[in-house]
Amino acid sequence: MDIEQLRNYCLSKPKVTETFPFDAHTLVFKVLDKMFALFPLEKWDNGLASINLKCDPEYALQLRADHDSIVPGWHSNKKHWNTVYIYKSELKPQFILQLIDHSYDMVVKGMTKKMQLELKK
């Protein structure tokens, strides 16, 4: 998968925006202003494509144990975030999309009822 495919997939989700809140090299996707995916662009430029995704803590540990391409979140809370390496990864594209879905769903699940209703508008 390339960065445009992943970017378009993230943007296809309800109420998602893309921003650069930290620097010009970290593309962040948010749902109602809550982060669910980070793309460190300098890694993509250097052939080390990865994305940071939010994850249920128990599932995060399982994923890290099962997949060499999934490690604790780089520059993130290691309990709740994973770095998922895309380049030369053993992960299938459909599985990567499922991980994005899981991250999005985790963020939505943590929102207030009012914010969750806003998603349905």
PDB file of N, CA and C in Angstrom:
ATOM      1  N   MET A   1       0.840  -1.184   0.000  1.00  0.00           N
ATOM      2  CA  MET A   1       0.000   0.000   0.000  1.00  0.00           C
ATOM      3  C   MET A   1       0.880   1.241   0.000  1.00  0.00           C
ATOM      4  N   ASP A   2       0.398   2.262  -0.672  1.00  0.00           N
ATOM      5  CA  ASP A   2       1.160   3.502  -0.650  1.00  0.00           C
ATOM      6  C   ASP A   2       0.446   4.524   0.237  1.00  0.00           C
ATOM      7  N   ILE A   3       1.120   5.610   0.479  1.00  0.00           N
ATOM      8  CA  ILE A   3       0.614   6.604   1.420  1.00  0.00           C
ATOM      9  C   ILE A   3      -0.699   7.232   0.942  1.00  0.00           C
ATOM     10  N   GLU A   4      -0.864   7.397  -0.359  1.00  0.00           N
ATOM     11  CA  GLU A   4      -2.104   7.990  -0.868  1.00  0.00           C
ATOM     12  C   GLU A   4      -3.299   7.076  -0.633  1.00  0.00           C
ATOM     13  N   GLN A   5      -3.107   5.778  -0.792  1.00  0.00           N
ATOM     14  CA  GLN A   5      -4.188   4.834  -0.528  1.00  0.00           C
ATOM     15  C   GLN A   5      -4.601   4.888   0.946  1.00  0.00           C
ATOM     16  N   LEU A   6      -3.613   4.908   1.829  1.00  0.00           N
ATOM     17  CA  LEU A   6      -3.905   4.965   3.256  1.00  0.00           C
ATOM     18  C   LEU A   6      -4.529   6.306   3.632  1.00  0.00           C
ATOM     19  N   ARG A   7      -4.017   7.372   3.064  1.00  0.00           N
ATOM     20  CA  ARG A   7      -4.556   8.706   3.316  1.00  0.00           C
ATOM     21  C   ARG A   7      -6.023   8.775   2.889  1.00  0.00           C
ATOM     22  N   ASN A   8      -6.315   8.307   1.688  1.00  0.00           N
ATOM     23  CA  ASN A   8      -7.688   8.323   1.181  1.00  0.00           C
ATOM     24  C   ASN A   8      -8.615   7.459   2.038  1.00  0.00           C
ATOM     25  N   TYR A   9      -8.094   6.349   2.514  1.00  0.00           N
ATOM     26  CA  TYR A   9      -8.899   5.482   3.368  1.00  0.00           C
ATOM     27  C   TYR A   9      -9.253   6.200   4.675  1.00  0.00           C
ATOM     28  N   CYS A  10      -8.279   6.826   5.287  1.00  0.00           N
ATOM     29  CA  CYS A  10      -8.539   7.572   6.522  1.00  0.00           C
ATOM     30  C   CYS A  10      -9.552   8.686   6.291  1.00  0.00           C
ATOM     31  N   LEU A  11      -9.384   9.410   5.196  1.00  0.00           N
ATOM     32  CA  LEU A  11     -10.270  10.537   4.902  1.00  0.00           C
ATOM     33  C   LEU A  11     -11.684  10.101   4.524  1.00  0.00           C
ATOM     34  N   SER A  12     -11.859   8.836   4.165  1.00  0.00           N
ATOM     35  CA  SER A  12     -13.190   8.350   3.789  1.00  0.00           C
ATOM     36  C   SER A  12     -14.079   8.104   5.010  1.00  0.00           C
ATOM     37  N   LYS A  13     -13.498   8.123   6.177  1.00  0.00           N
ATOM     38  CA  LYS A  13     -14.260   7.866   7.400  1.00  0.00           C
ATOM     39  C   LYS A  13     -15.007   9.137   7.822  1.00  0.00           C
ATOM     40  N   PRO A  14     -16.146   8.975   8.509  1.00  0.00           N
ATOM     41  CA  PRO A  14     -16.953  10.144   8.902  1.00  0.00           C
ATOM     42  C   PRO A  14     -16.189  11.126   9.789  1.00  0.00           C
ATOM     43  N   LYS A  15     -16.345  12.402   9.452  1.00  0.00           N
ATOM     44  CA  LYS A  15     -15.846  13.534  10.249  1.00  0.00           C
ATOM     45  C   LYS A  15     -14.329  13.538  10.458  1.00  0.00           C
ATOM     46  N   VAL A  16     -13.587  13.000   9.497  1.00  0.00           N
ATOM     47  CA  VAL A  16     -12.125  12.959   9.612  1.00  0.00           C
ATOM     48  C   VAL A  16     -11.504  14.168   8.929  1.00  0.00           C
ATOM     49  N   THR A  17     -10.505  14.724   9.590  1.00  0.00           N
ATOM     50  CA  THR A  17      -9.708  15.805   9.013  1.00  0.00           C
ATOM     51  C   THR A  17      -8.237  15.419   9.101  1.00  0.00           C
ATOM     52  N   GLU A  18      -7.440  16.049   8.260  1.00  0.00           N
ATOM     53  CA  GLU A  18      -5.990  15.835   8.311  1.00  0.00           C
ATOM     54  C   GLU A  18      -5.331  17.155   8.670  1.00  0.00           C
ATOM     55  N   THR A  19      -4.315  17.073   9.526  1.00  0.00           N
ATOM     56  CA  THR A  19      -3.636  18.274   9.991  1.00  0.00           C
ATOM     57  C   THR A  19      -2.149  17.981  10.191  1.00  0.00           C
ATOM     58  N   PHE A  20      -1.408  19.036  10.441  1.00  0.00           N
ATOM     59  CA  PHE A  20       0.007  18.953  10.806  1.00  0.00           C
ATOM     60  C   PHE A  20       0.193  19.702  12.124  1.00  0.00           C
ATOM     61  N   PRO A  21      -0.345  19.179  13.232  1.00  0.00           N
ATOM     62  CA  PRO A  21      -0.301  19.937  14.490  1.00  0.00           C
ATOM     63  C   PRO A  21       1.069  19.968  15.168  1.00  0.00           C
ATOM     64  N   PHE A  22       1.935  19.042  14.843  1.00  0.00           N
ATOM     65  CA  PHE A  22       3.226  18.956  15.531  1.00  0.00           C
ATOM     66  C   PHE A  22       4.358  19.593  14.744  1.00  0.00           C
ATOM     67  N   ASP A  23       4.424  19.259  13.464  1.00  0.00           N
ATOM     68  CA  ASP A  23       5.473  19.779  12.584  1.00  0.00           C
ATOM     69  C   ASP A  23       5.060  19.489  11.139  1.00  0.00           C
ATOM     70  N   ALA A  24       5.895  19.903  10.197  1.00  0.00           N
ATOM     71  CA  ALA A  24       5.578  19.725   8.781  1.00  0.00           C
ATOM     72  C   ALA A  24       5.837  18.303   8.294  1.00  0.00           C
ATOM     73  N   HIS A  25       6.297  17.433   9.183  1.00  0.00           N
ATOM     74  CA  HIS A  25       6.671  16.075   8.786  1.00  0.00           C
ATOM     75  C   HIS A  25       5.780  14.993   9.385  1.00  0.00           C
ATOM     76  N   THR A  26       4.768  15.387  10.156  1.00  0.00           N
ATOM     77  CA  THR A  26       3.888  14.402  10.778  1.00  0.00           C
ATOM     78  C   THR A  26       2.439  14.713  10.429  1.00  0.00           C
ATOM     79  N   LEU A  27       1.907  13.929   9.504  1.00  0.00           N
ATOM     80  CA  LEU A  27       0.523  14.075   9.075  1.00  0.00           C
ATOM     81  C   LEU A  27      -0.363  13.343  10.081  1.00  0.00           C
ATOM     82  N   VAL A  28      -1.346  14.049  10.619  1.00  0.00           N
ATOM     83  CA  VAL A  28      -2.217  13.498  11.654  1.00  0.00           C
ATOM     84  C   VAL A  28      -3.654  13.482  11.153  1.00  0.00           C
ATOM     85  N   PHE A  29      -4.305  12.352  11.382  1.00  0.00           N
ATOM     86  CA  PHE A  29      -5.721  12.219  11.054  1.00  0.00           C
ATOM     87  C   PHE A  29      -6.506  12.216  12.350  1.00  0.00           C
ATOM     88  N   LYS A  30      -7.578  13.038  12.357  1.00  0.00           N
ATOM     89  CA  LYS A  30      -8.400  13.186  13.549  1.00  0.00           C
ATOM     90  C   LYS A  30      -9.863  12.967  13.194  1.00  0.00           C
ATOM     91  N   VAL A  31     -10.586  12.401  14.136  1.00  0.00           N
ATOM     92  CA  VAL A  31     -12.036  12.334  14.044  1.00  0.00           C
ATOM     93  C   VAL A  31     -12.570  13.259  15.131  1.00  0.00           C
ATOM     94  N   LEU A  32     -13.311  14.271  14.708  1.00  0.00           N
ATOM     95  CA  LEU A  32     -13.805  15.296  15.641  1.00  0.00           C
ATOM     96  C   LEU A  32     -12.707  15.774  16.579  1.00  0.00           C
ATOM     97  N   ASP A  33     -11.566  16.072  16.004  1.00  0.00           N
ATOM     98  CA  ASP A  33     -10.415  16.656  16.705  1.00  0.00           C
ATOM     99  C   ASP A  33      -9.698  15.698  17.657  1.00  0.00           C
ATOM    100  N   LYS A  34      -9.949  14.396  17.528  1.00  0.00           N
ATOM    101  CA  LYS A  34      -9.259  13.383  18.333  1.00  0.00           C
ATOM    102  C   LYS A  34      -8.404  12.529  17.390  1.00  0.00           C
ATOM    103  N   MET A  35      -7.122  12.421  17.699  1.00  0.00           N
ATOM    104  CA  MET A  35      -6.190  11.693  16.823  1.00  0.00           C
ATOM    105  C   MET A  35      -6.466  10.197  16.802  1.00  0.00           C
ATOM    106  N   PHE A  36      -6.389   9.624  15.577  1.00  0.00           N
ATOM    107  CA  PHE A  36      -6.457   8.174  15.467  1.00  0.00           C
ATOM    108  C   PHE A  36      -5.353   7.603  14.576  1.00  0.00           C
ATOM    109  N   ALA A  37      -4.671   8.440  13.809  1.00  0.00           N
ATOM    110  CA  ALA A  37      -3.585   7.951  12.960  1.00  0.00           C
ATOM    111  C   ALA A  37      -2.570   9.063  12.728  1.00  0.00           C
ATOM    112  N   LEU A  38      -1.289   8.676  12.793  1.00  0.00           N
ATOM    113  CA  LEU A  38      -0.196   9.603  12.526  1.00  0.00           C
ATOM    114  C   LEU A  38       0.709   8.974  11.475  1.00  0.00           C
ATOM    115  N   PHE A  39       1.072   9.749  10.483  1.00  0.00           N
ATOM    116  CA  PHE A  39       1.980   9.303   9.425  1.00  0.00           C
ATOM    117  C   PHE A  39       3.259  10.130   9.514  1.00  0.00           C
ATOM    118  N   PRO A  40       4.342   9.579  10.038  1.00  0.00           N
ATOM    119  CA  PRO A  40       5.615  10.311  10.047  1.00  0.00           C
ATOM    120  C   PRO A  40       6.189  10.335   8.625  1.00  0.00           C
ATOM    121  N   LEU A  41       5.990  11.436   7.928  1.00  0.00           N
ATOM    122  CA  LEU A  41       6.323  11.520   6.500  1.00  0.00           C
ATOM    123  C   LEU A  41       7.798  11.321   6.205  1.00  0.00           C
ATOM    124  N   GLU A  42       8.687  11.729   7.129  1.00  0.00           N
ATOM    125  CA  GLU A  42      10.115  11.551   6.869  1.00  0.00           C
ATOM    126  C   GLU A  42      10.463  10.065   6.766  1.00  0.00           C
ATOM    127  N   LYS A  43       9.727   9.215   7.470  1.00  0.00           N
ATOM    128  CA  LYS A  43       9.968   7.771   7.355  1.00  0.00           C
ATOM    129  C   LYS A  43       9.521   7.262   5.986  1.00  0.00           C
ATOM    130  N   TRP A  44       8.410   7.796   5.480  1.00  0.00           N
ATOM    131  CA  TRP A  44       7.944   7.392   4.145  1.00  0.00           C
ATOM    132  C   TRP A  44       8.975   7.817   3.102  1.00  0.00           C
ATOM    133  N   ASP A  45       9.529   9.011   3.270  1.00  0.00           N
ATOM    134  CA  ASP A  45      10.524   9.525   2.324  1.00  0.00           C
ATOM    135  C   ASP A  45      11.817   8.717   2.364  1.00  0.00           C
ATOM    136  N   ASN A  46      12.103   8.075   3.509  1.00  0.00           N
ATOM    137  CA  ASN A  46      13.346   7.319   3.669  1.00  0.00           C
ATOM    138  C   ASN A  46      13.160   5.815   3.502  1.00  0.00           C
ATOM    139  N   GLY A  47      12.005   5.392   2.988  1.00  0.00           N
ATOM    140  CA  GLY A  47      11.776   3.979   2.746  1.00  0.00           C
ATOM    141  C   GLY A  47      11.430   3.170   3.980  1.00  0.00           C
ATOM    142  N   LEU A  48      11.054   3.839   5.063  1.00  0.00           N
ATOM    143  CA  LEU A  48      10.693   3.150   6.309  1.00  0.00           C
ATOM    144  C   LEU A  48       9.234   3.438   6.656  1.00  0.00           C
ATOM    145  N   ALA A  49       8.373   3.343   5.663  1.00  0.00           N
ATOM    146  CA  ALA A  49       6.976   3.726   5.805  1.00  0.00           C
ATOM    147  C   ALA A  49       6.326   3.080   7.016  1.00  0.00           C
ATOM    148  N   SER A  50       5.679   3.924   7.818  1.00  0.00           N
ATOM    149  CA  SER A  50       4.962   3.425   8.990  1.00  0.00           C
ATOM    150  C   SER A  50       3.815   4.365   9.312  1.00  0.00           C
ATOM    151  N   ILE A  51       2.899   3.852  10.134  1.00  0.00           N
ATOM    152  CA  ILE A  51       1.831   4.678  10.677  1.00  0.00           C
ATOM    153  C   ILE A  51       1.680   4.335  12.158  1.00  0.00           C
ATOM    154  N   ASN A  52       1.288   5.316  12.925  1.00  0.00           N
ATOM    155  CA  ASN A  52       0.989   5.097  14.344  1.00  0.00           C
ATOM    156  C   ASN A  52      -0.522   5.050  14.481  1.00  0.00           C
ATOM    157  N   LEU A  53      -1.003   4.005  15.173  1.00  0.00           N
ATOM    158  CA  LEU A  53      -2.433   3.809  15.334  1.00  0.00           C
ATOM    159  C   LEU A  53      -2.776   3.514  16.786  1.00  0.00           C
ATOM    160  N   LYS A  54      -3.878   4.053  17.225  1.00  0.00           N
ATOM    161  CA  LYS A  54      -4.369   3.769  18.574  1.00  0.00           C
ATOM    162  C   LYS A  54      -4.847   2.320  18.621  1.00  0.00           C
ATOM    163  N   CYS A  55      -4.730   1.709  19.802  1.00  0.00           N
ATOM    164  CA  CYS A  55      -5.081   0.299  19.906  1.00  0.00           C
ATOM    165  C   CYS A  55      -5.472  -0.041  21.343  1.00  0.00           C
ATOM    166  N   ASP A  56      -6.415  -0.948  21.480  1.00  0.00           N
ATOM    167  CA  ASP A  56      -6.749  -1.492  22.785  1.00  0.00           C
ATOM    168  C   ASP A  56      -5.470  -2.081  23.380  1.00  0.00           C
ATOM    169  N   PRO A  57      -5.150  -1.774  24.642  1.00  0.00           N
ATOM    170  CA  PRO A  57      -3.874  -2.212  25.214  1.00  0.00           C
ATOM    171  C   PRO A  57      -3.610  -3.725  25.141  1.00  0.00           C
ATOM    172  N   GLU A  58      -4.603  -4.545  25.416  1.00  0.00           N
ATOM    173  CA  GLU A  58      -4.399  -5.998  25.352  1.00  0.00           C
ATOM    174  C   GLU A  58      -4.187  -6.466  23.913  1.00  0.00           C
ATOM    175  N   TYR A  59      -4.973  -5.911  23.012  1.00  0.00           N
ATOM    176  CA  TYR A  59      -4.831  -6.251  21.594  1.00  0.00           C
ATOM    177  C   TYR A  59      -3.477  -5.776  21.073  1.00  0.00           C
ATOM    178  N   ALA A  60      -3.020  -4.621  21.556  1.00  0.00           N
ATOM    179  CA  ALA A  60      -1.712  -4.096  21.141  1.00  0.00           C
ATOM    180  C   ALA A  60      -0.602  -5.081  21.478  1.00  0.00           C
ATOM    181  N   LEU A  61      -0.651  -5.629  22.681  1.00  0.00           N
ATOM    182  CA  LEU A  61       0.369  -6.609  23.086  1.00  0.00           C
ATOM    183  C   LEU A  61       0.313  -7.866  22.210  1.00  0.00           C
ATOM    184  N   GLN A  62      -0.892  -8.307  21.919  1.00  0.00           N
ATOM    185  CA  GLN A  62      -1.065  -9.488  21.062  1.00  0.00           C
ATOM    186  C   GLN A  62      -0.502  -9.222  19.661  1.00  0.00           C
ATOM    187  N   LEU A  63      -0.821  -8.063  19.100  1.00  0.00           N
ATOM    188  CA  LEU A  63      -0.334  -7.718  17.761  1.00  0.00           C
ATOM    189  C   LEU A  63       1.188  -7.670  17.721  1.00  0.00           C
ATOM    190  N   ARG A  64       1.783  -7.072  18.739  1.00  0.00           N
ATOM    191  CA  ARG A  64       3.248  -6.966  18.795  1.00  0.00           C
ATOM    192  C   ARG A  64       3.894  -8.337  18.902  1.00  0.00           C
ATOM    193  N   ALA A  65       3.262  -9.253  19.626  1.00  0.00           N
ATOM    194  CA  ALA A  65       3.800 -10.607  19.772  1.00  0.00           C
ATOM    195  C   ALA A  65       3.659 -11.409  18.475  1.00  0.00           C
ATOM    196  N   ASP A  66       2.607 -11.135  17.730  1.00  0.00           N
ATOM    197  CA  ASP A  66       2.315 -11.919  16.524  1.00  0.00           C
ATOM    198  C   ASP A  66       2.952 -11.386  15.246  1.00  0.00           C
ATOM    199  N   HIS A  67       3.336 -10.109  15.233  1.00  0.00           N
ATOM    200  CA  HIS A  67       3.796  -9.485  13.987  1.00  0.00           C
ATOM    201  C   HIS A  67       5.074  -8.673  14.212  1.00  0.00           C
ATOM    202  N   ASP A  68       6.103  -8.993  13.468  1.00  0.00           N
ATOM    203  CA  ASP A  68       7.364  -8.243  13.559  1.00  0.00           C
ATOM    204  C   ASP A  68       7.202  -6.791  13.115  1.00  0.00           C
ATOM    205  N   SER A  69       6.218  -6.527  12.267  1.00  0.00           N
ATOM    206  CA  SER A  69       6.018  -5.183  11.716  1.00  0.00           C
ATOM    207  C   SER A  69       5.193  -4.271  12.615  1.00  0.00           C
ATOM    208  N   ILE A  70       4.824  -4.751  13.798  1.00  0.00           N
ATOM    209  CA  ILE A  70       4.052  -3.937  14.739  1.00  0.00           C
ATOM    210  C   ILE A  70       4.842  -3.845  16.043  1.00  0.00           C
ATOM    211  N   VAL A  71       5.145  -2.603  16.417  1.00  0.00           N
ATOM    212  CA  VAL A  71       5.963  -2.344  17.609  1.00  0.00           C
ATOM    213  C   VAL A  71       5.284  -1.259  18.448  1.00  0.00           C
ATOM    214  N   PRO A  72       5.734  -1.073  19.704  1.00  0.00           N
ATOM    215  CA  PRO A  72       5.159   0.010  20.511  1.00  0.00           C
ATOM    216  C   PRO A  72       5.256   1.355  19.782  1.00  0.00           C
ATOM    217  N   GLY A  73       4.274   2.187  19.983  1.00  0.00           N
ATOM    218  CA  GLY A  73       4.178   3.460  19.274  1.00  0.00           C
ATOM    219  C   GLY A  73       5.385   4.356  19.426  1.00  0.00           C
ATOM    220  N   TRP A  74       5.936   4.765  18.294  1.00  0.00           N
ATOM    221  CA  TRP A  74       7.087   5.665  18.245  1.00  0.00           C
ATOM    222  C   TRP A  74       6.616   7.058  18.644  1.00  0.00           C
ATOM    223  N   HIS A  75       7.250   7.661  19.631  1.00  0.00           N
ATOM    224  CA  HIS A  75       6.883   8.987  20.156  1.00  0.00           C
ATOM    225  C   HIS A  75       5.428   9.046  20.602  1.00  0.00           C
ATOM    226  N   SER A  76       4.911   7.940  21.109  1.00  0.00           N
ATOM    227  CA  SER A  76       3.514   7.869  21.552  1.00  0.00           C
ATOM    228  C   SER A  76       3.435   7.104  22.864  1.00  0.00           C
ATOM    229  N   ASN A  77       2.274   7.135  23.472  1.00  0.00           N
ATOM    230  CA  ASN A  77       2.020   6.333  24.653  1.00  0.00           C
ATOM    231  C   ASN A  77       2.067   4.862  24.235  1.00  0.00           C
ATOM    232  N   LYS A  78       3.062   4.156  24.687  1.00  0.00           N
ATOM    233  CA  LYS A  78       3.323   2.786  24.233  1.00  0.00           C
ATOM    234  C   LYS A  78       2.228   1.805  24.655  1.00  0.00           C
ATOM    235  N   LYS A  79       1.447   2.166  25.653  1.00  0.00           N
ATOM    236  CA  LYS A  79       0.354   1.293  26.082  1.00  0.00           C
ATOM    237  C   LYS A  79      -0.807   1.341  25.091  1.00  0.00           C
ATOM    238  N   HIS A  80      -1.063   2.515  24.527  1.00  0.00           N
ATOM    239  CA  HIS A  80      -2.255   2.723  23.699  1.00  0.00           C
ATOM    240  C   HIS A  80      -1.981   2.909  22.206  1.00  0.00           C
ATOM    241  N   TRP A  81      -0.715   2.966  21.813  1.00  0.00           N
ATOM    242  CA  TRP A  81      -0.394   3.225  20.411  1.00  0.00           C
ATOM    243  C   TRP A  81       0.624   2.213  19.886  1.00  0.00           C
ATOM    244  N   ASN A  82       0.425   1.811  18.639  1.00  0.00           N
ATOM    245  CA  ASN A  82       1.376   0.949  17.932  1.00  0.00           C
ATOM    246  C   ASN A  82       1.938   1.685  16.732  1.00  0.00           C
ATOM    247  N   THR A  83       3.169   1.385  16.399  1.00  0.00           N
ATOM    248  CA  THR A  83       3.723   1.771  15.100  1.00  0.00           C
ATOM    249  C   THR A  83       3.616   0.546  14.216  1.00  0.00           C
ATOM    250  N   VAL A  84       3.016   0.742  13.054  1.00  0.00           N
ATOM    251  CA  VAL A  84       2.809  -0.344  12.094  1.00  0.00           C
ATOM    252  C   VAL A  84       3.665  -0.035  10.869  1.00  0.00           C
ATOM    253  N   TYR A  85       4.677  -0.874  10.641  1.00  0.00           N
ATOM    254  CA  TYR A  85       5.548  -0.672   9.489  1.00  0.00           C
ATOM    255  C   TYR A  85       4.883  -1.229   8.240  1.00  0.00           C
ATOM    256  N   ILE A  86       4.886  -0.427   7.194  1.00  0.00           N
ATOM    257  CA  ILE A  86       4.217  -0.771   5.946  1.00  0.00           C
ATOM    258  C   ILE A  86       5.209  -1.331   4.929  1.00  0.00           C
ATOM    259  N   TYR A  87       6.367  -0.699   4.831  1.00  0.00           N
ATOM    260  CA  TYR A  87       7.355  -1.074   3.824  1.00  0.00           C
ATOM    261  C   TYR A  87       7.977  -2.428   4.166  1.00  0.00           C
ATOM    262  N   LYS A  88       7.999  -3.326   3.202  1.00  0.00           N
ATOM    263  CA  LYS A  88       8.545  -4.676   3.376  1.00  0.00           C
ATOM    264  C   LYS A  88       7.934  -5.371   4.591  1.00  0.00           C
ATOM    265  N   SER A  89       6.654  -5.168   4.771  1.00  0.00           N
ATOM    266  CA  SER A  89       5.934  -5.730   5.902  1.00  0.00           C
ATOM    267  C   SER A  89       5.296  -7.053   5.518  1.00  0.00           C
ATOM    268  N   GLU A  90       5.132  -7.931   6.498  1.00  0.00           N
ATOM    269  CA  GLU A  90       4.427  -9.181   6.273  1.00  0.00           C
ATOM    270  C   GLU A  90       2.912  -8.984   6.341  1.00  0.00           C
ATOM    271  N   LEU A  91       2.482  -7.778   6.689  1.00  0.00           N
ATOM    272  CA  LEU A  91       1.066  -7.500   6.870  1.00  0.00           C
ATOM    273  C   LEU A  91       0.358  -7.313   5.528  1.00  0.00           C
ATOM    274  N   LYS A  92      -0.783  -7.936   5.402  1.00  0.00           N
ATOM    275  CA  LYS A  92      -1.602  -7.801   4.188  1.00  0.00           C
ATOM    276  C   LYS A  92      -2.303  -6.442   4.206  1.00  0.00           C
ATOM    277  N   PRO A  93      -2.505  -5.841   3.032  1.00  0.00           N
ATOM    278  CA  PRO A  93      -3.178  -4.530   2.978  1.00  0.00           C
ATOM    279  C   PRO A  93      -4.522  -4.509   3.698  1.00  0.00           C
ATOM    280  N   GLN A  94      -5.319  -5.547   3.546  1.00  0.00           N
ATOM    281  CA  GLN A  94      -6.633  -5.577   4.195  1.00  0.00           C
ATOM    282  C   GLN A  94      -6.497  -5.554   5.722  1.00  0.00           C
ATOM    283  N   PHE A  95      -5.472  -6.204   6.244  1.00  0.00           N
ATOM    284  CA  PHE A  95      -5.247  -6.211   7.692  1.00  0.00           C
ATOM    285  C   PHE A  95      -4.845  -4.817   8.177  1.00  0.00           C
ATOM    286  N   ILE A  96      -4.026  -4.123   7.399  1.00  0.00           N
ATOM    287  CA  ILE A  96      -3.639  -2.754   7.758  1.00  0.00           C
ATOM    288  C   ILE A  96      -4.881  -1.856   7.814  1.00  0.00           C
ATOM    289  N   LEU A  97      -5.782  -2.022   6.868  1.00  0.00           N
ATOM    290  CA  LEU A  97      -7.025  -1.244   6.888  1.00  0.00           C
ATOM    291  C   LEU A  97      -7.859  -1.598   8.113  1.00  0.00           C
ATOM    292  N   GLN A  98      -7.861  -2.855   8.520  1.00  0.00           N
ATOM    293  CA  GLN A  98      -8.587  -3.260   9.729  1.00  0.00           C
ATOM    294  C   GLN A  98      -7.980  -2.600  10.966  1.00  0.00           C
ATOM    295  N   LEU A  99      -6.657  -2.456  10.981  1.00  0.00           N
ATOM    296  CA  LEU A  99      -6.005  -1.787  12.108  1.00  0.00           C
ATOM    297  C   LEU A  99      -6.372  -0.301  12.153  1.00  0.00           C
ATOM    298  N   ILE A 100      -6.493   0.313  10.986  1.00  0.00           N
ATOM    299  CA  ILE A 100      -6.958   1.706  10.924  1.00  0.00           C
ATOM    300  C   ILE A 100      -8.387   1.791  11.447  1.00  0.00           C
ATOM    301  N   ASP A 101      -9.241   0.856  11.030  1.00  0.00           N
ATOM    302  CA  ASP A 101     -10.625   0.819  11.519  1.00  0.00           C
ATOM    303  C   ASP A 101     -10.658   0.688  13.042  1.00  0.00           C
ATOM    304  N   HIS A 102      -9.829  -0.205  13.563  1.00  0.00           N
ATOM    305  CA  HIS A 102      -9.786  -0.414  15.014  1.00  0.00           C
ATOM    306  C   HIS A 102      -9.377   0.881  15.731  1.00  0.00           C
ATOM    307  N   SER A 103      -8.388   1.567  15.203  1.00  0.00           N
ATOM    308  CA  SER A 103      -7.931   2.814  15.804  1.00  0.00           C
ATOM    309  C   SER A 103      -9.048   3.853  15.801  1.00  0.00           C
ATOM    310  N   TYR A 104      -9.691   4.022  14.672  1.00  0.00           N
ATOM    311  CA  TYR A 104     -10.807   4.960  14.546  1.00  0.00           C
ATOM    312  C   TYR A 104     -11.901   4.599  15.557  1.00  0.00           C
ATOM    313  N   ASP A 105     -12.249   3.315  15.608  1.00  0.00           N
ATOM    314  CA  ASP A 105     -13.309   2.856  16.509  1.00  0.00           C
ATOM    315  C   ASP A 105     -12.944   3.071  17.977  1.00  0.00           C
ATOM    316  N   MET A 106     -11.662   2.875  18.319  1.00  0.00           N
ATOM    317  CA  MET A 106     -11.218   3.106  19.692  1.00  0.00           C
ATOM    318  C   MET A 106     -11.402   4.570  20.093  1.00  0.00           C
ATOM    319  N   VAL A 107     -11.085   5.464  19.191  1.00  0.00           N
ATOM    320  CA  VAL A 107     -11.228   6.890  19.475  1.00  0.00           C
ATOM    321  C   VAL A 107     -12.707   7.251  19.612  1.00  0.00           C
ATOM    322  N   VAL A 108     -13.527   6.755  18.705  1.00  0.00           N
ATOM    323  CA  VAL A 108     -14.969   7.037  18.767  1.00  0.00           C
ATOM    324  C   VAL A 108     -15.567   6.480  20.062  1.00  0.00           C
ATOM    325  N   LYS A 109     -15.161   5.296  20.434  1.00  0.00           N
ATOM    326  CA  LYS A 109     -15.659   4.657  21.656  1.00  0.00           C
ATOM    327  C   LYS A 109     -15.365   5.505  22.895  1.00  0.00           C
ATOM    328  N   GLY A 110     -14.268   6.217  22.902  1.00  0.00           N
ATOM    329  CA  GLY A 110     -13.888   7.053  24.036  1.00  0.00           C
ATOM    330  C   GLY A 110     -14.518   8.436  24.038  1.00  0.00           C
ATOM    331  N   MET A 111     -15.298   8.754  23.017  1.00  0.00           N
ATOM    332  CA  MET A 111     -15.934  10.067  22.917  1.00  0.00           C
ATOM    333  C   MET A 111     -17.183  10.136  23.784  1.00  0.00           C
ATOM    334  N   THR A 112     -17.575  11.355  24.066  1.00  0.00           N
ATOM    335  CA  THR A 112     -18.833  11.568  24.774  1.00  0.00           C
ATOM    336  C   THR A 112     -19.997  11.163  23.871  1.00  0.00           C
ATOM    337  N   LYS A 113     -21.144  10.934  24.479  1.00  0.00           N
ATOM    338  CA  LYS A 113     -22.345  10.587  23.706  1.00  0.00           C
ATOM    339  C   LYS A 113     -22.686  11.697  22.707  1.00  0.00           C
ATOM    340  N   LYS A 114     -22.500  12.931  23.127  1.00  0.00           N
ATOM    341  CA  LYS A 114     -22.788  14.079  22.252  1.00  0.00           C
ATOM    342  C   LYS A 114     -21.892  14.036  21.016  1.00  0.00           C
ATOM    343  N   MET A 115     -20.608  13.743  21.211  1.00  0.00           N
ATOM    344  CA  MET A 115     -19.699  13.669  20.071  1.00  0.00           C
ATOM    345  C   MET A 115     -20.045  12.480  19.180  1.00  0.00           C
ATOM    346  N   GLN A 116     -20.413  11.364  19.771  1.00  0.00           N
ATOM    347  CA  GLN A 116     -20.795  10.204  18.971  1.00  0.00           C
ATOM    348  C   GLN A 116     -22.040  10.501  18.130  1.00  0.00           C
ATOM    349  N   LEU A 117     -22.971  11.266  18.677  1.00  0.00           N
ATOM    350  CA  LEU A 117     -24.161  11.682  17.907  1.00  0.00           C
ATOM    351  C   LEU A 117     -23.756  12.601  16.755  1.00  0.00           C
ATOM    352  N   GLU A 118     -22.769  13.455  16.998  1.00  0.00           N
ATOM    353  CA  GLU A 118     -22.285  14.363  15.949  1.00  0.00           C
ATOM    354  C   GLU A 118     -21.757  13.569  14.745  1.00  0.00           C
ATOM    355  N   LEU A 119     -21.175  12.419  14.988  1.00  0.00           N
ATOM    356  CA  LEU A 119     -20.658  11.587  13.900  1.00  0.00           C
ATOM    357  C   LEU A 119     -21.756  11.104  12.971  1.00  0.00           C
ATOM    358  N   LYS A 120     -22.951  10.966  13.482  1.00  0.00           N
ATOM    359  CA  LYS A 120     -24.057  10.423  12.695  1.00  0.00           C
ATOM    360  C   LYS A 120     -24.763  11.471  11.862  1.00  0.00           C
ATOM    361  N   LYS A 121     -24.393  12.733  12.045  1.00  0.00           N
ATOM    362  CA  LYS A 121     -25.040  13.828  11.277  1.00  0.00           C
ATOM    363  C   LYS A 121     -24.467  13.901   9.881  1.00  0.00           C
TER     364      LYS A 121
END
